[in-house]
Protein backbone atom coordinates (compact mmCIF):
# COMPACT_ATOMS: atom_id res chain seq x y z
CA MET A 1 120.91 146.72 278.77
CA ASN A 2 118.01 145.12 276.78
CA GLN A 3 117.76 144.86 273.00
CA SER A 4 116.33 147.99 272.26
CA ASP A 5 118.75 149.98 274.48
CA GLN A 6 121.77 148.23 272.80
CA VAL A 7 120.60 149.41 269.25
CA LEU A 8 119.83 152.83 270.67
CA SER A 9 123.54 152.71 271.57
CA GLN A 10 124.80 151.97 269.01
CA HIS A 11 125.59 155.54 266.05
CA PRO A 12 126.61 155.38 262.84
CA ILE A 13 129.69 157.38 262.21
CA GLN A 14 127.78 160.38 261.09
CA VAL A 15 126.86 160.91 264.39
CA ALA A 16 130.04 159.56 266.21
CA ALA A 17 131.77 162.31 264.13
CA ARG A 18 129.31 164.88 264.86
CA ARG A 19 129.15 163.49 268.34
CA SER A 20 133.43 163.49 268.76
CA GLY A 21 134.09 166.82 266.85
CA LEU A 22 136.01 164.55 264.89
CA SER A 23 135.44 164.50 261.17
CA THR A 24 134.34 161.03 259.51
CA HIS A 25 137.86 159.98 257.71
CA VAL A 26 140.18 161.22 261.39
CA ILE A 27 137.91 158.27 263.05
CA ARG A 28 139.12 155.89 260.19
CA ALA A 29 142.11 156.85 260.27
CA TRP A 30 142.89 156.60 264.01
CA GLU A 31 140.80 152.86 263.71
CA LYS A 32 142.86 151.61 260.92
CA ARG A 33 146.11 153.29 261.97
CA TYR A 34 146.39 153.38 265.46
CA GLN A 35 143.18 150.89 266.40
CA ALA A 36 142.13 153.79 268.41
CA VAL A 37 138.26 152.29 268.52
CA ALA A 38 137.07 148.89 267.18
CA PRO A 39 133.05 149.38 266.13
CA LYS A 40 131.36 146.87 265.28
CA ARG A 41 129.51 146.38 261.64
CA SER A 42 126.00 146.42 260.69
CA GLY A 43 124.61 143.92 258.18
CA THR A 44 126.23 145.90 255.58
CA ALA A 45 129.34 146.28 256.59
CA ARG A 46 128.78 149.81 258.26
CA ARG A 47 130.38 150.73 261.06
CA LEU A 48 128.44 151.35 264.58
CA TYR A 49 129.96 152.92 267.67
CA SER A 50 129.22 152.58 270.80
CA ASP A 51 128.30 155.58 273.27
CA GLU A 52 131.70 154.16 274.93
CA GLU A 53 133.60 154.32 271.84
CA VAL A 54 131.81 157.86 270.85
CA ASN A 55 133.27 158.94 274.68
CA ARG A 56 136.62 157.80 273.74
CA LEU A 57 136.76 159.13 270.34
CA SER A 58 136.37 162.42 272.40
CA LEU A 59 138.64 162.52 274.91
CA LEU A 60 141.36 161.33 271.94
CA ARG A 61 140.12 164.58 269.99
CA ARG A 62 140.51 166.94 273.05
CA VAL A 63 143.90 165.37 273.75
CA THR A 64 145.68 165.63 270.86
CA GLU A 65 143.78 169.60 270.54
CA ALA A 66 146.58 169.54 273.41
CA GLY A 67 149.17 168.98 272.27
CA TRP A 68 149.87 164.75 272.35
CA ARG A 69 150.26 163.06 269.24
CA ILE A 70 147.67 160.34 268.24
CA SER A 71 150.11 157.98 267.91
CA ASP A 72 151.38 158.39 271.53
CA VAL A 73 148.08 158.51 273.12
CA ALA A 74 145.86 156.13 271.11
CA GLY A 75 146.26 152.96 272.57
CA LEU A 76 146.06 154.26 276.82
CA GLU A 77 142.87 153.42 278.77
CA ASP A 78 140.09 156.38 278.78
CA ASP A 79 141.35 157.00 282.27
CA LYS A 80 144.71 157.68 281.13
CA LEU A 81 143.24 160.29 278.85
CA SER A 82 141.38 161.57 281.34
CA GLN A 83 144.17 162.17 283.27
CA LEU A 84 146.62 163.48 280.81
CA LEU A 85 143.55 166.55 280.54
CA LYS A 86 143.26 166.70 284.44
CA ASP A 87 147.23 167.23 285.03
CA GLU A 88 146.65 169.83 281.50
CA GLY A 89 144.07 171.54 283.80
CA ILE A 90 142.03 171.01 280.23
CA PRO A 91 137.84 169.76 280.30
CA THR A 92 137.71 166.29 279.81
CA SER A 93 134.49 166.94 277.84
CA ARG A 94 133.42 169.97 276.17
CA PRO A 95 130.16 170.72 273.93
CA VAL A 96 131.65 170.43 270.13
CA VAL A 97 130.56 174.20 268.63
CA GLN A 98 130.57 174.02 264.91
CA PRO A 99 131.34 177.30 262.97
CA PRO A 100 127.92 179.02 262.19
CA GLU A 101 128.54 178.56 258.59
CA LEU A 102 128.45 174.64 259.18
CA GLU A 103 126.30 173.98 261.22
CA ALA A 104 124.33 171.35 259.44
CA PRO A 105 124.53 173.01 256.18
CA THR A 106 122.01 171.62 253.02
CA PRO A 107 123.76 170.15 250.76
CA GLU A 108 123.00 173.67 248.28
CA ALA A 109 125.08 175.40 251.21
CA LEU A 110 127.39 172.58 251.14
CA VAL A 111 128.10 173.09 247.02
CA LYS A 112 128.11 177.08 247.18
CA LEU A 113 130.83 176.69 250.30
CA ALA A 114 132.45 174.64 247.92
CA MET A 115 132.03 177.20 245.46
CA ASP A 116 133.95 179.69 247.42
CA ALA A 117 136.54 177.42 248.10
CA THR A 118 137.05 176.08 244.83
CA ALA A 119 137.27 179.83 243.60
CA ARG A 120 139.67 181.06 246.35
CA LEU A 121 141.97 177.31 244.99
CA ASP A 122 141.88 176.38 248.88
CA GLY A 123 142.27 172.92 248.69
CA VAL A 124 142.11 172.97 252.68
CA GLN A 125 138.81 174.00 252.58
CA PHE A 126 137.06 172.53 249.96
CA VAL A 127 138.16 168.79 251.69
CA GLN A 128 137.30 169.67 255.07
CA ILE A 129 133.52 170.86 252.79
CA MET A 130 133.70 167.17 251.37
CA GLU A 131 134.30 165.89 255.04
CA ARG A 132 131.58 167.70 256.05
CA ALA A 133 128.63 166.70 253.91
CA THR A 134 129.91 163.12 254.55
CA ALA A 135 129.42 163.41 258.24
CA LEU A 136 125.87 165.17 257.81
CA HIS A 137 124.00 163.07 254.64
CA SER A 138 123.98 159.43 253.21
CA THR A 139 126.69 158.61 250.83
CA PRO A 140 124.22 158.60 247.62
CA VAL A 141 123.16 162.45 248.95
CA VAL A 142 126.53 163.45 248.98
CA MET A 143 127.24 162.42 245.46
CA GLU A 144 123.96 163.16 244.30
CA GLU A 145 123.44 166.93 245.66
CA VAL A 146 126.62 167.70 246.39
CA ILE A 147 128.71 166.17 244.61
CA LYS A 148 127.18 166.16 241.17
CA PRO A 149 125.80 169.77 241.12
CA LEU A 150 129.43 171.17 241.91
CA MET A 151 130.87 169.26 239.06
CA VAL A 152 127.56 170.82 236.67
CA ALA A 153 128.10 174.42 238.62
CA ILE A 154 131.43 174.59 237.58
CA GLY A 155 131.38 173.02 234.37
CA ASP A 156 129.07 175.54 233.68
CA ARG A 157 130.78 178.42 234.46
CA TRP A 158 133.85 177.28 232.97
CA ARG A 159 132.06 177.57 229.67
CA MET A 160 130.61 181.11 230.12
CA GLY A 161 134.28 182.55 230.84
CA ARG A 162 133.51 182.79 234.81
CA MET A 163 135.87 180.46 236.17
CA ARG A 164 139.08 179.47 234.24
CA ALA A 165 140.62 175.72 233.24
CA CYS A 166 142.89 175.72 236.36
CA HIS A 167 139.35 175.57 238.52
CA GLU A 168 138.31 172.67 236.40
CA HIS A 169 141.37 171.09 237.17
CA PHE A 170 141.77 172.05 240.28
CA VAL A 171 138.32 170.47 241.81
CA SER A 172 138.54 167.21 239.45
CA ALA A 173 141.82 166.89 241.52
CA HIS A 174 140.53 166.92 244.17
CA LEU A 175 137.39 165.19 244.03
CA ARG A 176 139.72 162.36 243.00
CA SER A 177 141.61 161.97 245.74
CA PHE A 178 138.58 162.93 248.57
CA LEU A 179 136.85 160.10 246.74
CA GLY A 180 139.60 157.81 246.26
CA ASP A 181 140.50 158.06 250.33
CA VAL A 182 136.78 157.28 251.30
CA LEU A 183 136.75 154.39 248.25
CA SER A 184 139.53 153.00 250.24
CA GLN A 185 138.62 153.57 253.80
CA ALA A 186 134.99 151.83 252.99
CA MET A 187 136.46 148.96 250.92
CA THR A 188 139.10 147.21 253.72
CA VAL A 189 136.40 144.92 255.50
CA SER A 190 133.79 144.03 253.52
CA ASP A 191 132.74 140.87 252.82
CA GLY A 192 129.82 141.55 250.57
CA PRO A 193 129.41 140.52 247.13
CA VAL A 194 131.64 141.81 244.44
CA LEU A 195 130.34 145.17 241.99
CA LEU A 196 132.96 146.28 239.00
CA VAL A 197 133.07 149.67 238.44
CA THR A 198 134.89 150.82 235.21
CA THR A 199 133.81 152.86 232.12
CA PRO A 200 134.36 151.54 228.65
CA SER A 201 136.64 152.30 226.54
CA HIS A 202 137.41 156.16 225.18
CA GLN A 203 135.17 157.14 227.80
CA THR A 204 138.42 158.85 230.16
CA HIS A 205 136.34 161.41 232.62
CA GLU A 206 136.36 158.89 236.00
CA ILE A 207 134.47 161.17 238.52
CA GLY A 208 131.23 159.57 237.97
CA ALA A 209 133.07 155.89 238.29
CA MET A 210 134.50 156.36 241.84
CA MET A 211 130.65 158.25 242.58
CA VAL A 212 129.09 154.90 241.86
CA ALA A 213 132.15 152.55 243.71
CA VAL A 214 131.88 154.84 246.67
CA THR A 215 128.29 154.60 247.06
CA ALA A 216 128.09 151.01 246.28
CA ALA A 217 131.13 150.26 248.78
CA ARG A 218 129.55 152.19 251.60
CA ALA A 219 126.15 150.26 251.48
CA GLY A 220 128.76 147.16 251.80
CA TRP A 221 129.61 146.09 248.73
CA ARG A 222 132.79 144.69 247.82
CA VAL A 223 134.09 147.11 244.78
CA MET A 224 136.48 146.14 242.19
CA PHE A 225 137.37 149.41 241.08
CA LEU A 226 139.08 149.22 237.43
CA GLY A 227 139.52 153.27 236.42
CA PRO A 228 138.42 154.59 233.31
CA SER A 229 138.83 153.63 229.21
CA LEU A 230 138.61 149.96 229.65
CA PRO A 231 138.25 147.57 226.71
CA ALA A 232 135.06 145.30 226.53
CA ASP A 233 137.40 141.91 226.54
CA GLU A 234 138.98 142.99 229.71
CA ILE A 235 135.48 143.99 231.65
CA ALA A 236 134.65 140.75 231.38
CA PHE A 237 137.76 139.12 231.88
CA ALA A 238 137.76 140.96 235.77
CA ALA A 239 134.00 140.22 236.30
CA ASP A 240 134.71 136.39 236.08
CA VAL A 241 138.01 136.61 237.73
CA THR A 242 136.49 138.42 240.57
CA ARG A 243 133.15 136.31 239.81
CA ALA A 244 131.46 139.98 240.24
CA ARG A 245 127.26 139.86 240.95
CA ALA A 246 127.02 142.46 238.96
CA VAL A 247 128.94 145.43 236.91
CA ALA A 248 128.64 149.01 236.73
CA LEU A 249 129.19 151.41 233.70
CA SER A 250 130.03 155.23 233.67
CA ILE A 251 129.06 157.15 230.59
CA SER A 252 130.22 160.69 230.90
CA TYR A 253 132.05 161.79 227.67
CA PRO A 254 131.61 161.73 224.43
CA ALA A 255 128.20 161.32 223.95
CA ASP A 256 128.64 160.43 220.11
CA ASP A 257 131.35 157.91 220.27
CA PRO A 258 130.52 155.17 216.94
CA ARG A 259 132.18 152.54 218.51
CA LEU A 260 131.03 151.72 221.69
CA PRO A 261 127.43 149.94 220.59
CA ALA A 262 129.84 147.04 219.48
CA GLN A 263 132.01 147.11 222.87
CA LEU A 264 128.60 147.27 224.52
CA LEU A 265 127.11 144.31 222.30
CA ARG A 266 131.02 142.35 223.14
CA LEU A 267 130.61 143.43 227.13
CA ARG A 268 127.23 141.61 227.11
CA SER A 269 128.21 138.41 225.09
CA GLN A 270 131.27 137.51 227.34
CA LEU A 271 129.68 138.15 230.63
CA ALA A 272 128.23 135.43 232.35
CA PRO A 273 124.50 134.59 231.71
CA GLY A 274 122.40 136.92 234.37
CA THR A 275 125.29 139.40 235.58
CA PRO A 276 123.55 142.44 235.49
CA VAL A 277 124.93 145.54 233.94
CA PHE A 278 124.13 149.30 235.25
CA ALA A 279 125.33 152.16 233.36
CA GLY A 280 124.59 155.82 233.76
CA GLY A 281 126.70 159.00 233.67
CA ALA A 282 125.90 162.55 231.66
CA ALA A 283 126.27 160.90 228.52
CA VAL A 284 124.36 157.42 228.86
CA ASP A 285 121.40 159.06 227.00
CA GLY A 286 123.53 159.11 223.79
CA TYR A 287 123.87 154.91 223.76
CA ARG A 288 120.67 154.40 225.13
CA ARG A 289 119.33 151.99 221.87
CA SER A 290 122.44 150.12 222.53
CA LEU A 291 122.08 149.75 226.43
CA ASP A 292 118.31 148.67 226.12
CA GLN A 293 119.61 146.36 223.53
CA ILE A 294 122.03 144.69 226.41
CA GLY A 295 119.03 144.59 229.18
CA ALA A 296 121.01 147.19 230.58
CA ILE A 297 119.69 148.56 234.56
CA ILE A 298 119.81 152.91 233.93
CA PRO A 299 118.77 154.02 237.14
CA LYS A 300 117.67 157.57 237.66
CA ASP A 301 120.22 158.85 239.95
CA LEU A 302 122.82 157.66 242.48
CA ILE A 303 120.10 157.34 244.90
CA SER A 304 117.87 155.12 243.25
CA PHE A 305 120.94 152.99 242.33
CA ASP A 306 121.71 152.19 245.78
CA ARG A 307 117.93 151.31 246.12
CA ASP A 308 118.78 149.05 242.72
CA LEU A 309 121.81 147.58 244.92
CA GLU A 310 119.88 146.87 247.78
CA SER A 311 117.22 145.03 246.11
CA LEU A 312 119.85 143.11 243.93
CA ARG A 313 121.55 141.97 246.97
CA ARG A 314 118.39 140.49 248.39
CA ALA A 315 117.03 138.99 245.47
CA ARG A 316 120.23 136.96 245.59
CA ASP A 317 121.54 136.21 249.33
């Protein structure tokens, strides 16, 4: 096989998921817990699956659908898996047919599906929709065109009385769990530069910070996620200990905290010279003067943030 053929036979996890009929989360879980497959890694630490591994994932899907536990069959050779299916009279391969409503939906359609699941408080369906989004679209697109519009739509409907507080809490809880799982899986083997992600003191909304963390981790950065509401001294200390190449701050609410400008100045004074500070979020415009004063980088969206990270990494590597 020449080099061109080798490249064409290496597939990102989204393609492996689509061809095998498994979600990206299941593939990562089977890889981590049971060593079912061992994909190679790209230069940015993204998984790349061979044709043989995609076929193996398809076999494992068929075998588990037939009733075997993944823990019992993950270590079997492909021919043994095929034999299990033959013994049961089950075809060893079958086209994966997606439900019509989930057939390559656009980000806008995924938002609508997630809204419908939220209205019903259907957690299983909500997570399946999020998994489908990550299988079809890049991480920045999922964050920027699915999750962010979903959060805005839920908030708008809640304020208009068309949804209840329980719906807003439902979305926040499930997104926090979903993003945490994605982040945990993405951070397992990355040996890239460190990005410290948090929110400043009294900024208690962490979903935006988690979206930033996931975007960076999927791009090959080693993310140090410290949760919400961290004082400047603690951020600077953590950046020093981890030798963070950059710091990312999510600023979502409130937009008029009189204490935050001083915290930003204190953070800048304690960070190592030249350490970039990224800032974003719904309330970032309320502090733009202070952010400009400390030389913060304010990407217009997560897609731009992804590009900025890549430029920073190339400049330092």
